[in-house]
Amino acid sequence: MNPTLRIETLTGEAAIALLPALSRLRIAVFRDWPYLYDGSAAYEEAYMTPFLRSPSAGLVVAFDGGAPVGCSTCLRMDEAGEEVAAPVAAFGFDPAAHFYFGESVLLPAYRGRGAGVAFFAAREAHARAVSDCRFATFCAVRRPADHPLRPPGAAELHGFWRRRGYAPVPGLACTMAWKQVDGPDEVANMLDVWRKDLRAEAPGR
């Protein structure tokens, strides 16, 4: 971990107070591959405020001094909305047994310094502290290899996620829509669901 970075898990009003800064951060980072998100402050506020007000929600923030440079969200899946919970239930899993890890963002200058590992560890600790959920889950956007906006040498995170103890659930995916940089309208995107048994230890770094 970079010694200048401080990782904190915030809840309730402490998390809400950071919303303007985090919205700017999310808009900047998600504009890049693979999300290609063309966001706005209004959209971010409408999306993030109910999320952060959920009883189980946790916001993990990476600070450089007093400035947030990355963040990661989590909450019980049965509080996360039907976009995620409904496909999981239809697949035969109980959403109430799953803690949902939302998006993680980190400014490029701070990548490769341990913040990603810290985000997962902090969210898993929060899930264990506020729930009896057995599983942690997250969704990864699916992009074809020949996508016209894929940058040369785009990094895949599958190995990193597997080292944290996560694996994709074959046949389980959800659909989410957002406005992208390559068009004027929202686009429906398919996201694959990854899952970890919180009773198991991650296999290693």
N, C-alpha and C. Protein backbone atom coordinates (compact mmCIF):
# COMPACT_ATOMS: atom_id res chain seq x y z
N MET A 1 0.85 -1.20 0.00
CA MET A 1 0.00 0.00 0.00
C MET A 1 0.88 1.24 0.00
N ASN A 2 0.55 2.19 -0.86
CA ASN A 2 1.27 3.46 -0.88
C ASN A 2 1.10 4.16 0.47
N PRO A 3 2.20 4.58 1.12
CA PRO A 3 2.06 5.18 2.46
C PRO A 3 1.25 6.46 2.48
N THR A 4 1.06 7.11 1.33
CA THR A 4 0.26 8.33 1.31
C THR A 4 -1.23 8.04 1.26
N LEU A 5 -1.63 6.80 1.00
CA LEU A 5 -3.04 6.47 0.89
C LEU A 5 -3.60 6.03 2.24
N ARG A 6 -4.80 6.51 2.54
CA ARG A 6 -5.52 6.11 3.74
C ARG A 6 -6.85 5.53 3.31
N ILE A 7 -7.17 4.33 3.77
CA ILE A 7 -8.41 3.64 3.41
C ILE A 7 -9.38 3.73 4.58
N GLU A 8 -10.57 4.23 4.33
CA GLU A 8 -11.60 4.34 5.36
C GLU A 8 -12.91 3.77 4.84
N THR A 9 -13.66 3.12 5.72
CA THR A 9 -15.01 2.66 5.41
C THR A 9 -16.00 3.58 6.10
N LEU A 10 -16.84 4.23 5.29
CA LEU A 10 -17.80 5.21 5.80
C LEU A 10 -19.22 4.69 5.61
N THR A 11 -20.11 5.15 6.48
CA THR A 11 -21.52 4.80 6.37
C THR A 11 -22.36 6.04 6.64
N GLY A 12 -23.64 5.96 6.28
CA GLY A 12 -24.60 7.00 6.60
C GLY A 12 -24.23 8.38 6.11
N GLU A 13 -24.40 9.37 6.97
CA GLU A 13 -24.20 10.76 6.57
C GLU A 13 -22.75 11.06 6.22
N ALA A 14 -21.81 10.34 6.83
CA ALA A 14 -20.40 10.55 6.48
C ALA A 14 -20.15 10.18 5.03
N ALA A 15 -20.81 9.14 4.54
CA ALA A 15 -20.68 8.75 3.14
C ALA A 15 -21.41 9.74 2.23
N ILE A 16 -22.60 10.14 2.62
CA ILE A 16 -23.38 11.08 1.81
C ILE A 16 -22.63 12.40 1.64
N ALA A 17 -21.93 12.84 2.66
CA ALA A 17 -21.22 14.12 2.59
C ALA A 17 -20.15 14.14 1.51
N LEU A 18 -19.64 12.97 1.14
CA LEU A 18 -18.59 12.89 0.12
C LEU A 18 -19.15 12.75 -1.30
N LEU A 19 -20.47 12.72 -1.43
CA LEU A 19 -21.08 12.42 -2.72
C LEU A 19 -20.61 13.34 -3.85
N PRO A 20 -20.54 14.69 -3.69
CA PRO A 20 -20.08 15.52 -4.82
C PRO A 20 -18.68 15.16 -5.30
N ALA A 21 -17.75 14.96 -4.38
CA ALA A 21 -16.38 14.60 -4.77
C ALA A 21 -16.34 13.22 -5.41
N LEU A 22 -17.11 12.28 -4.86
CA LEU A 22 -17.11 10.93 -5.40
C LEU A 22 -17.78 10.88 -6.76
N SER A 23 -18.80 11.70 -6.97
CA SER A 23 -19.45 11.76 -8.28
C SER A 23 -18.46 12.19 -9.35
N ARG A 24 -17.67 13.22 -9.05
CA ARG A 24 -16.66 13.67 -10.02
C ARG A 24 -15.64 12.57 -10.30
N LEU A 25 -15.27 11.86 -9.26
CA LEU A 25 -14.31 10.78 -9.40
C LEU A 25 -14.87 9.65 -10.27
N ARG A 26 -16.09 9.24 -9.99
CA ARG A 26 -16.72 8.16 -10.75
C ARG A 26 -16.91 8.54 -12.22
N ILE A 27 -17.34 9.76 -12.47
CA ILE A 27 -17.55 10.20 -13.85
C ILE A 27 -16.23 10.16 -14.63
N ALA A 28 -15.15 10.60 -13.99
CA ALA A 28 -13.85 10.63 -14.67
C ALA A 28 -13.34 9.23 -14.95
N VAL A 29 -13.39 8.34 -13.97
CA VAL A 29 -12.81 7.01 -14.13
C VAL A 29 -13.66 6.12 -15.02
N PHE A 30 -14.98 6.15 -14.83
CA PHE A 30 -15.84 5.27 -15.61
C PHE A 30 -15.96 5.68 -17.08
N ARG A 31 -15.48 6.86 -17.41
CA ARG A 31 -15.50 7.26 -18.82
C ARG A 31 -14.56 6.40 -19.65
N ASP A 32 -13.54 5.85 -18.99
CA ASP A 32 -12.56 5.03 -19.69
C ASP A 32 -13.05 3.60 -19.85
N TRP A 33 -12.30 2.82 -20.58
CA TRP A 33 -12.55 1.40 -20.77
C TRP A 33 -12.50 0.69 -19.40
N PRO A 34 -13.40 -0.29 -19.15
CA PRO A 34 -14.36 -0.88 -20.09
C PRO A 34 -15.78 -0.32 -19.98
N TYR A 35 -16.04 0.62 -19.05
CA TYR A 35 -17.42 1.06 -18.84
C TYR A 35 -17.88 2.07 -19.87
N LEU A 36 -16.99 2.96 -20.32
CA LEU A 36 -17.32 3.94 -21.37
C LEU A 36 -18.52 4.79 -20.97
N TYR A 37 -18.62 5.12 -19.70
CA TYR A 37 -19.78 5.78 -19.12
C TYR A 37 -19.72 7.29 -19.34
N ASP A 38 -20.76 7.82 -19.90
CA ASP A 38 -20.87 9.28 -20.11
C ASP A 38 -21.80 9.81 -19.03
N GLY A 39 -21.24 10.12 -17.87
CA GLY A 39 -22.06 10.43 -16.72
C GLY A 39 -22.28 11.90 -16.49
N SER A 40 -23.15 12.21 -15.54
CA SER A 40 -23.44 13.58 -15.14
C SER A 40 -23.62 13.62 -13.63
N ALA A 41 -23.44 14.79 -13.05
CA ALA A 41 -23.59 14.94 -11.61
C ALA A 41 -25.01 14.60 -11.16
N ALA A 42 -26.01 14.99 -11.96
CA ALA A 42 -27.40 14.72 -11.61
C ALA A 42 -27.68 13.22 -11.58
N TYR A 43 -27.18 12.52 -12.58
CA TYR A 43 -27.38 11.07 -12.64
C TYR A 43 -26.70 10.41 -11.44
N GLU A 44 -25.49 10.84 -11.14
CA GLU A 44 -24.75 10.26 -10.03
C GLU A 44 -25.48 10.46 -8.70
N GLU A 45 -26.01 11.65 -8.48
CA GLU A 45 -26.72 11.91 -7.24
C GLU A 45 -27.96 11.04 -7.12
N ALA A 46 -28.69 10.90 -8.23
CA ALA A 46 -29.90 10.08 -8.22
C ALA A 46 -29.58 8.61 -7.98
N TYR A 47 -28.44 8.15 -8.49
CA TYR A 47 -28.05 6.75 -8.34
C TYR A 47 -27.43 6.47 -6.97
N MET A 48 -26.52 7.35 -6.55
CA MET A 48 -25.71 7.06 -5.38
C MET A 48 -26.42 7.35 -4.05
N THR A 49 -27.30 8.37 -4.01
CA THR A 49 -27.91 8.74 -2.74
C THR A 49 -28.74 7.60 -2.14
N PRO A 50 -29.68 6.99 -2.89
CA PRO A 50 -30.42 5.86 -2.30
C PRO A 50 -29.50 4.70 -1.93
N PHE A 51 -28.48 4.46 -2.76
CA PHE A 51 -27.52 3.39 -2.49
C PHE A 51 -26.85 3.61 -1.13
N LEU A 52 -26.35 4.82 -0.91
CA LEU A 52 -25.61 5.09 0.31
C LEU A 52 -26.50 5.19 1.54
N ARG A 53 -27.80 5.42 1.33
CA ARG A 53 -28.72 5.50 2.46
C ARG A 53 -29.28 4.13 2.85
N SER A 54 -28.95 3.09 2.11
CA SER A 54 -29.41 1.75 2.47
C SER A 54 -28.81 1.35 3.81
N PRO A 55 -29.57 0.66 4.65
CA PRO A 55 -29.10 0.36 6.02
C PRO A 55 -27.76 -0.37 6.08
N SER A 56 -27.48 -1.24 5.11
CA SER A 56 -26.26 -2.04 5.17
C SER A 56 -25.11 -1.44 4.38
N ALA A 57 -25.32 -0.31 3.73
CA ALA A 57 -24.34 0.21 2.77
C ALA A 57 -23.04 0.62 3.45
N GLY A 58 -21.96 0.35 2.75
CA GLY A 58 -20.64 0.81 3.16
C GLY A 58 -19.94 1.45 1.98
N LEU A 59 -19.22 2.52 2.23
CA LEU A 59 -18.44 3.21 1.21
C LEU A 59 -16.98 3.18 1.64
N VAL A 60 -16.17 2.48 0.86
CA VAL A 60 -14.74 2.41 1.14
C VAL A 60 -14.05 3.46 0.29
N VAL A 61 -13.30 4.34 0.93
CA VAL A 61 -12.68 5.47 0.24
C VAL A 61 -11.17 5.43 0.43
N ALA A 62 -10.46 5.67 -0.67
CA ALA A 62 -9.00 5.85 -0.61
C ALA A 62 -8.72 7.34 -0.63
N PHE A 63 -8.04 7.83 0.38
CA PHE A 63 -7.69 9.24 0.49
C PHE A 63 -6.18 9.42 0.29
N ASP A 64 -5.82 10.45 -0.46
CA ASP A 64 -4.45 10.93 -0.48
C ASP A 64 -4.47 12.26 0.25
N GLY A 65 -4.00 12.28 1.48
CA GLY A 65 -4.22 13.45 2.32
C GLY A 65 -5.71 13.55 2.61
N GLY A 66 -6.29 14.70 2.28
CA GLY A 66 -7.73 14.87 2.49
C GLY A 66 -8.55 14.66 1.24
N ALA A 67 -7.92 14.32 0.12
CA ALA A 67 -8.62 14.20 -1.15
C ALA A 67 -8.96 12.75 -1.47
N PRO A 68 -10.23 12.44 -1.77
CA PRO A 68 -10.57 11.08 -2.20
C PRO A 68 -10.04 10.83 -3.61
N VAL A 69 -9.32 9.73 -3.78
CA VAL A 69 -8.76 9.37 -5.09
C VAL A 69 -9.32 8.05 -5.59
N GLY A 70 -10.14 7.40 -4.79
CA GLY A 70 -10.77 6.15 -5.19
C GLY A 70 -11.87 5.79 -4.23
N CYS A 71 -12.81 4.98 -4.67
CA CYS A 71 -13.90 4.55 -3.79
C CYS A 71 -14.48 3.23 -4.29
N SER A 72 -15.15 2.57 -3.38
CA SER A 72 -15.75 1.28 -3.67
C SER A 72 -16.98 1.13 -2.79
N THR A 73 -18.06 0.57 -3.32
CA THR A 73 -19.33 0.52 -2.60
C THR A 73 -19.76 -0.92 -2.34
N CYS A 74 -20.62 -1.09 -1.33
CA CYS A 74 -21.16 -2.41 -1.04
C CYS A 74 -22.43 -2.28 -0.21
N LEU A 75 -23.30 -3.26 -0.34
CA LEU A 75 -24.52 -3.34 0.46
C LEU A 75 -25.14 -4.72 0.26
N ARG A 76 -26.11 -5.05 1.10
CA ARG A 76 -26.81 -6.33 0.93
C ARG A 76 -27.49 -6.36 -0.44
N MET A 77 -27.44 -7.50 -1.08
CA MET A 77 -28.05 -7.60 -2.41
C MET A 77 -29.55 -7.37 -2.36
N ASP A 78 -30.21 -7.77 -1.29
CA ASP A 78 -31.66 -7.56 -1.23
C ASP A 78 -32.03 -6.10 -1.00
N GLU A 79 -31.03 -5.22 -0.85
CA GLU A 79 -31.24 -3.77 -0.81
C GLU A 79 -30.71 -3.10 -2.09
N ALA A 80 -30.16 -3.88 -3.00
CA ALA A 80 -29.43 -3.31 -4.14
C ALA A 80 -30.30 -3.03 -5.36
N GLY A 81 -31.52 -3.48 -5.38
CA GLY A 81 -32.38 -3.24 -6.53
C GLY A 81 -32.53 -4.46 -7.41
N GLU A 82 -33.56 -4.44 -8.24
CA GLU A 82 -33.93 -5.61 -9.02
C GLU A 82 -32.97 -5.91 -10.17
N GLU A 83 -32.21 -4.93 -10.63
CA GLU A 83 -31.28 -5.20 -11.74
C GLU A 83 -30.34 -6.35 -11.40
N VAL A 84 -29.94 -6.42 -10.15
CA VAL A 84 -29.03 -7.47 -9.71
C VAL A 84 -29.78 -8.59 -9.01
N ALA A 85 -30.65 -8.25 -8.08
CA ALA A 85 -31.31 -9.26 -7.26
C ALA A 85 -32.20 -10.19 -8.07
N ALA A 86 -32.93 -9.66 -9.06
CA ALA A 86 -33.87 -10.48 -9.82
C ALA A 86 -33.17 -11.59 -10.61
N PRO A 87 -32.10 -11.29 -11.37
CA PRO A 87 -31.42 -12.38 -12.07
C PRO A 87 -30.82 -13.42 -11.13
N VAL A 88 -30.32 -12.97 -9.98
CA VAL A 88 -29.76 -13.91 -9.01
C VAL A 88 -30.84 -14.84 -8.47
N ALA A 89 -32.00 -14.27 -8.15
CA ALA A 89 -33.12 -15.08 -7.65
C ALA A 89 -33.62 -16.03 -8.73
N ALA A 90 -33.71 -15.55 -9.98
CA ALA A 90 -34.17 -16.39 -11.07
C ALA A 90 -33.22 -17.55 -11.34
N PHE A 91 -31.95 -17.35 -11.03
CA PHE A 91 -30.95 -18.40 -11.21
C PHE A 91 -31.07 -19.48 -10.14
N GLY A 92 -31.77 -19.16 -9.05
CA GLY A 92 -31.95 -20.12 -7.97
C GLY A 92 -31.18 -19.81 -6.71
N PHE A 93 -30.49 -18.66 -6.68
CA PHE A 93 -29.77 -18.22 -5.48
C PHE A 93 -30.65 -17.29 -4.66
N ASP A 94 -30.42 -17.25 -3.37
CA ASP A 94 -31.16 -16.36 -2.48
C ASP A 94 -30.43 -15.02 -2.40
N PRO A 95 -31.02 -13.92 -2.91
CA PRO A 95 -30.34 -12.63 -2.80
C PRO A 95 -29.99 -12.24 -1.37
N ALA A 96 -30.80 -12.65 -0.40
CA ALA A 96 -30.56 -12.28 0.99
C ALA A 96 -29.30 -12.94 1.55
N ALA A 97 -28.78 -13.94 0.86
CA ALA A 97 -27.55 -14.60 1.30
C ALA A 97 -26.31 -13.99 0.66
N HIS A 98 -26.51 -12.94 -0.15
CA HIS A 98 -25.42 -12.34 -0.90
C HIS A 98 -25.22 -10.87 -0.52
N PHE A 99 -23.97 -10.47 -0.38
CA PHE A 99 -23.62 -9.07 -0.21
C PHE A 99 -23.08 -8.58 -1.55
N TYR A 100 -23.63 -7.48 -2.04
CA TYR A 100 -23.30 -6.99 -3.38
C TYR A 100 -22.23 -5.93 -3.32
N PHE A 101 -21.15 -6.14 -4.05
CA PHE A 101 -20.08 -5.17 -4.18
C PHE A 101 -20.30 -4.38 -5.46
N GLY A 102 -20.60 -3.10 -5.31
CA GLY A 102 -20.81 -2.25 -6.47
C GLY A 102 -19.49 -1.87 -7.13
N GLU A 103 -19.52 -0.80 -7.86
CA GLU A 103 -18.36 -0.41 -8.65
C GLU A 103 -17.20 0.06 -7.78
N SER A 104 -15.99 -0.17 -8.28
CA SER A 104 -14.78 0.39 -7.68
C SER A 104 -14.12 1.32 -8.69
N VAL A 105 -13.67 2.47 -8.22
CA VAL A 105 -12.96 3.40 -9.09
C VAL A 105 -11.70 3.89 -8.38
N LEU A 106 -10.65 4.11 -9.16
CA LEU A 106 -9.39 4.59 -8.62
C LEU A 106 -8.68 5.38 -9.71
N LEU A 107 -8.21 6.56 -9.37
CA LEU A 107 -7.51 7.37 -10.36
C LEU A 107 -6.27 6.64 -10.86
N PRO A 108 -5.95 6.76 -12.15
CA PRO A 108 -4.85 5.99 -12.73
C PRO A 108 -3.53 6.11 -11.99
N ALA A 109 -3.20 7.28 -11.49
CA ALA A 109 -1.90 7.49 -10.84
C ALA A 109 -1.74 6.65 -9.58
N TYR A 110 -2.83 6.12 -9.03
CA TYR A 110 -2.77 5.38 -7.77
C TYR A 110 -2.94 3.88 -7.95
N ARG A 111 -3.01 3.42 -9.19
CA ARG A 111 -3.20 2.00 -9.44
C ARG A 111 -1.89 1.23 -9.27
N GLY A 112 -2.05 -0.04 -8.94
CA GLY A 112 -0.88 -0.88 -8.75
C GLY A 112 -0.17 -0.69 -7.43
N ARG A 113 -0.83 -0.05 -6.46
CA ARG A 113 -0.20 0.24 -5.17
C ARG A 113 -0.93 -0.39 -3.99
N GLY A 114 -1.82 -1.32 -4.28
CA GLY A 114 -2.49 -2.04 -3.22
C GLY A 114 -3.88 -1.59 -2.87
N ALA A 115 -4.38 -0.51 -3.48
CA ALA A 115 -5.71 -0.02 -3.13
C ALA A 115 -6.79 -1.02 -3.53
N GLY A 116 -6.63 -1.68 -4.67
CA GLY A 116 -7.64 -2.64 -5.10
C GLY A 116 -7.79 -3.79 -4.11
N VAL A 117 -6.67 -4.30 -3.61
CA VAL A 117 -6.71 -5.36 -2.60
C VAL A 117 -7.39 -4.83 -1.34
N ALA A 118 -7.06 -3.62 -0.95
CA ALA A 118 -7.65 -3.02 0.26
C ALA A 118 -9.15 -2.82 0.09
N PHE A 119 -9.60 -2.44 -1.10
CA PHE A 119 -11.04 -2.28 -1.34
C PHE A 119 -11.79 -3.58 -1.09
N PHE A 120 -11.26 -4.68 -1.64
CA PHE A 120 -11.94 -5.97 -1.44
C PHE A 120 -11.91 -6.37 0.03
N ALA A 121 -10.78 -6.22 0.68
CA ALA A 121 -10.68 -6.62 2.09
C ALA A 121 -11.62 -5.80 2.97
N ALA A 122 -11.72 -4.51 2.71
CA ALA A 122 -12.58 -3.65 3.53
C ALA A 122 -14.05 -3.97 3.30
N ARG A 123 -14.42 -4.23 2.05
CA ARG A 123 -15.83 -4.56 1.78
C ARG A 123 -16.20 -5.90 2.38
N GLU A 124 -15.31 -6.88 2.31
CA GLU A 124 -15.60 -8.17 2.92
C GLU A 124 -15.74 -8.03 4.44
N ALA A 125 -14.87 -7.23 5.05
CA ALA A 125 -14.97 -6.99 6.49
C ALA A 125 -16.29 -6.31 6.84
N HIS A 126 -16.71 -5.34 6.02
CA HIS A 126 -17.97 -4.66 6.26
C HIS A 126 -19.14 -5.63 6.13
N ALA A 127 -19.11 -6.47 5.11
CA ALA A 127 -20.19 -7.44 4.90
C ALA A 127 -20.32 -8.36 6.11
N ARG A 128 -19.20 -8.82 6.63
CA ARG A 128 -19.24 -9.71 7.79
C ARG A 128 -19.74 -8.98 9.04
N ALA A 129 -19.42 -7.68 9.13
CA ALA A 129 -19.77 -6.92 10.32
C ALA A 129 -21.26 -6.57 10.38
N VAL A 130 -21.88 -6.34 9.24
CA VAL A 130 -23.26 -5.83 9.25
C VAL A 130 -24.29 -6.85 8.78
N SER A 131 -23.85 -8.06 8.39
CA SER A 131 -24.80 -9.03 7.86
C SER A 131 -24.33 -10.44 8.18
N ASP A 132 -25.23 -11.39 7.92
CA ASP A 132 -24.85 -12.79 8.01
C ASP A 132 -24.79 -13.41 6.61
N CYS A 133 -24.60 -12.57 5.59
CA CYS A 133 -24.53 -13.06 4.22
C CYS A 133 -23.35 -14.03 4.06
N ARG A 134 -23.59 -15.10 3.35
CA ARG A 134 -22.52 -16.08 3.15
C ARG A 134 -21.63 -15.72 1.96
N PHE A 135 -22.21 -15.04 0.96
CA PHE A 135 -21.47 -14.80 -0.27
C PHE A 135 -21.28 -13.32 -0.54
N ALA A 136 -20.17 -13.00 -1.16
CA ALA A 136 -19.94 -11.67 -1.73
C ALA A 136 -20.00 -11.81 -3.24
N THR A 137 -20.61 -10.82 -3.89
CA THR A 137 -20.76 -10.87 -5.35
C THR A 137 -20.47 -9.50 -5.95
N PHE A 138 -20.05 -9.52 -7.20
CA PHE A 138 -19.95 -8.29 -7.97
C PHE A 138 -20.23 -8.61 -9.42
N CYS A 139 -20.44 -7.58 -10.22
CA CYS A 139 -20.76 -7.75 -11.64
C CYS A 139 -19.67 -7.09 -12.49
N ALA A 140 -19.23 -7.78 -13.52
CA ALA A 140 -18.19 -7.29 -14.41
C ALA A 140 -18.76 -7.14 -15.82
N VAL A 141 -18.63 -5.95 -16.39
CA VAL A 141 -19.20 -5.71 -17.70
C VAL A 141 -18.53 -6.60 -18.74
N ARG A 142 -19.34 -7.13 -19.64
CA ARG A 142 -18.86 -8.04 -20.69
C ARG A 142 -18.61 -7.22 -21.96
N ARG A 143 -17.38 -7.26 -22.48
CA ARG A 143 -17.03 -6.55 -23.70
C ARG A 143 -16.42 -7.52 -24.71
N PRO A 144 -16.83 -7.47 -25.96
CA PRO A 144 -16.24 -8.36 -26.96
C PRO A 144 -14.79 -7.99 -27.24
N ALA A 145 -14.02 -8.99 -27.66
CA ALA A 145 -12.60 -8.75 -27.93
C ALA A 145 -12.38 -7.76 -29.05
N ASP A 146 -13.35 -7.67 -29.98
CA ASP A 146 -13.20 -6.78 -31.13
C ASP A 146 -13.97 -5.47 -30.96
N HIS A 147 -14.30 -5.09 -29.72
CA HIS A 147 -15.02 -3.83 -29.50
C HIS A 147 -14.20 -2.68 -30.06
N PRO A 148 -14.82 -1.79 -30.84
CA PRO A 148 -14.04 -0.73 -31.51
C PRO A 148 -13.35 0.25 -30.56
N LEU A 149 -13.82 0.36 -29.30
CA LEU A 149 -13.20 1.29 -28.36
C LEU A 149 -12.23 0.60 -27.39
N ARG A 150 -11.99 -0.69 -27.60
CA ARG A 150 -11.03 -1.38 -26.73
C ARG A 150 -9.63 -0.83 -27.00
N PRO A 151 -8.95 -0.31 -25.98
CA PRO A 151 -7.61 0.23 -26.20
C PRO A 151 -6.59 -0.89 -26.38
N PRO A 152 -5.52 -0.63 -27.12
CA PRO A 152 -4.48 -1.65 -27.27
C PRO A 152 -3.91 -2.06 -25.92
N GLY A 153 -3.78 -3.36 -25.72
CA GLY A 153 -3.21 -3.85 -24.47
C GLY A 153 -4.09 -3.67 -23.26
N ALA A 154 -5.39 -3.56 -23.46
CA ALA A 154 -6.30 -3.38 -22.32
C ALA A 154 -6.13 -4.51 -21.31
N ALA A 155 -5.96 -4.15 -20.05
CA ALA A 155 -5.71 -5.14 -19.01
C ALA A 155 -7.00 -5.84 -18.61
N GLU A 156 -6.91 -7.15 -18.38
CA GLU A 156 -8.02 -7.91 -17.83
C GLU A 156 -7.79 -8.09 -16.34
N LEU A 157 -8.86 -8.05 -15.56
CA LEU A 157 -8.75 -8.16 -14.11
C LEU A 157 -9.13 -9.55 -13.59
N HIS A 158 -9.39 -10.48 -14.50
CA HIS A 158 -9.86 -11.80 -14.07
C HIS A 158 -8.88 -12.46 -13.10
N GLY A 159 -7.59 -12.38 -13.40
CA GLY A 159 -6.60 -12.99 -12.52
C GLY A 159 -6.58 -12.35 -11.14
N PHE A 160 -6.69 -11.04 -11.10
CA PHE A 160 -6.73 -10.32 -9.83
C PHE A 160 -7.93 -10.75 -9.01
N TRP A 161 -9.11 -10.85 -9.65
CA TRP A 161 -10.31 -11.24 -8.93
C TRP A 161 -10.20 -12.67 -8.42
N ARG A 162 -9.65 -13.56 -9.23
CA ARG A 162 -9.50 -14.95 -8.80
C ARG A 162 -8.56 -15.05 -7.61
N ARG A 163 -7.52 -14.24 -7.57
CA ARG A 163 -6.61 -14.26 -6.43
C ARG A 163 -7.28 -13.77 -5.17
N ARG A 164 -8.33 -12.99 -5.30
CA ARG A 164 -9.10 -12.57 -4.13
C ARG A 164 -10.08 -13.66 -3.69
N GLY A 165 -10.20 -14.74 -4.45
CA GLY A 165 -11.09 -15.83 -4.10
C GLY A 165 -12.41 -15.85 -4.85
N TYR A 166 -12.56 -15.01 -5.87
CA TYR A 166 -13.81 -14.91 -6.63
C TYR A 166 -13.73 -15.74 -7.91
N ALA A 167 -14.90 -16.18 -8.37
CA ALA A 167 -15.00 -16.90 -9.63
C ALA A 167 -16.32 -16.54 -10.30
N PRO A 168 -16.35 -16.53 -11.64
CA PRO A 168 -17.62 -16.25 -12.32
C PRO A 168 -18.59 -17.41 -12.11
N VAL A 169 -19.87 -17.08 -12.05
CA VAL A 169 -20.92 -18.10 -11.95
C VAL A 169 -21.39 -18.41 -13.36
N PRO A 170 -21.07 -19.58 -13.91
CA PRO A 170 -21.45 -19.87 -15.30
C PRO A 170 -22.95 -19.72 -15.52
N GLY A 171 -23.30 -18.95 -16.52
CA GLY A 171 -24.69 -18.78 -16.89
C GLY A 171 -25.43 -17.70 -16.14
N LEU A 172 -24.78 -17.03 -15.18
CA LEU A 172 -25.47 -15.99 -14.41
C LEU A 172 -24.95 -14.61 -14.80
N ALA A 173 -25.85 -13.78 -15.29
CA ALA A 173 -25.49 -12.42 -15.70
C ALA A 173 -26.68 -11.51 -15.44
N CYS A 174 -26.43 -10.22 -15.43
CA CYS A 174 -27.50 -9.24 -15.31
C CYS A 174 -27.32 -8.17 -16.39
N THR A 175 -28.34 -7.37 -16.56
CA THR A 175 -28.31 -6.32 -17.58
C THR A 175 -28.50 -4.96 -16.91
N MET A 176 -27.62 -4.03 -17.25
CA MET A 176 -27.73 -2.65 -16.75
C MET A 176 -27.54 -1.70 -17.92
N ALA A 177 -28.21 -0.57 -17.85
CA ALA A 177 -28.15 0.40 -18.95
C ALA A 177 -27.52 1.70 -18.45
N TRP A 178 -26.66 2.28 -19.28
CA TRP A 178 -26.11 3.61 -19.00
C TRP A 178 -25.73 4.28 -20.30
N LYS A 179 -25.65 5.59 -20.25
CA LYS A 179 -25.26 6.37 -21.42
C LYS A 179 -23.75 6.23 -21.62
N GLN A 180 -23.36 5.97 -22.87
CA GLN A 180 -21.97 5.74 -23.17
C GLN A 180 -21.38 6.86 -24.02
N VAL A 181 -20.04 6.89 -24.06
CA VAL A 181 -19.35 7.95 -24.78
C VAL A 181 -19.53 7.84 -26.29
N ASP A 182 -19.97 6.69 -26.78
CA ASP A 182 -20.06 6.48 -28.22
C ASP A 182 -21.47 6.63 -28.77
N GLY A 183 -22.37 7.26 -28.01
CA GLY A 183 -23.72 7.44 -28.53
C GLY A 183 -24.56 8.32 -27.62
N PRO A 184 -25.72 8.79 -28.12
CA PRO A 184 -26.55 9.73 -27.36
C PRO A 184 -27.51 9.08 -26.37
N ASP A 185 -27.75 7.78 -26.51
CA ASP A 185 -28.78 7.13 -25.71
C ASP A 185 -28.17 6.09 -24.76
N GLU A 186 -28.95 5.72 -23.75
CA GLU A 186 -28.50 4.65 -22.87
C GLU A 186 -28.39 3.34 -23.63
N VAL A 187 -27.42 2.53 -23.25
CA VAL A 187 -27.17 1.25 -23.89
C VAL A 187 -27.29 0.16 -22.84
N ALA A 188 -27.99 -0.92 -23.18
CA ALA A 188 -28.10 -2.07 -22.27
C ALA A 188 -26.81 -2.89 -22.36
N ASN A 189 -26.18 -3.11 -21.22
CA ASN A 189 -24.94 -3.87 -21.17
C ASN A 189 -25.12 -5.13 -20.33
N MET A 190 -24.47 -6.21 -20.78
CA MET A 190 -24.50 -7.46 -20.04
C MET A 190 -23.31 -7.50 -19.09
N LEU A 191 -23.58 -7.91 -17.85
CA LEU A 191 -22.53 -8.01 -16.84
C LEU A 191 -22.54 -9.41 -16.24
N ASP A 192 -21.39 -10.02 -16.15
CA ASP A 192 -21.25 -11.35 -15.56
C ASP A 192 -21.11 -11.25 -14.05
N VAL A 193 -21.72 -12.19 -13.34
CA VAL A 193 -21.71 -12.20 -11.89
C VAL A 193 -20.57 -13.08 -11.38
N TRP A 194 -19.74 -12.50 -10.51
CA TRP A 194 -18.67 -13.22 -9.83
C TRP A 194 -19.04 -13.36 -8.36
N ARG A 195 -18.57 -14.45 -7.74
CA ARG A 195 -19.01 -14.74 -6.38
C ARG A 195 -17.89 -15.38 -5.56
N LYS A 196 -17.93 -15.13 -4.24
CA LYS A 196 -16.98 -15.72 -3.30
C LYS A 196 -17.73 -16.15 -2.04
N ASP A 197 -17.36 -17.28 -1.51
CA ASP A 197 -17.87 -17.73 -0.22
C ASP A 197 -17.10 -16.98 0.87
N LEU A 198 -17.79 -16.17 1.64
CA LEU A 198 -17.13 -15.37 2.66
C LEU A 198 -16.58 -16.19 3.82
N ARG A 199 -16.91 -17.46 3.85
CA ARG A 199 -16.34 -18.33 4.88
C ARG A 199 -14.97 -18.87 4.45
N ALA A 200 -14.63 -18.65 3.19
CA ALA A 200 -13.35 -19.14 2.68
C ALA A 200 -12.33 -18.00 2.65
N GLU A 201 -11.08 -18.35 2.72
CA GLU A 201 -10.02 -17.36 2.64
C GLU A 201 -9.61 -17.20 1.18
N ALA A 202 -9.22 -15.97 0.81
CA ALA A 202 -8.69 -15.74 -0.54
C ALA A 202 -7.42 -16.56 -0.71
N PRO A 203 -7.18 -17.14 -1.92
CA PRO A 203 -6.04 -18.01 -2.11
C PRO A 203 -4.69 -17.31 -2.05
N GLY A 204 -4.65 -15.99 -2.13
CA GLY A 204 -3.36 -15.29 -2.04
C GLY A 204 -3.36 -14.04 -2.87
N ARG A 205 -2.29 -13.28 -2.79
CA ARG A 205 -2.17 -12.02 -3.49
C ARG A 205 -1.90 -12.28 -4.96
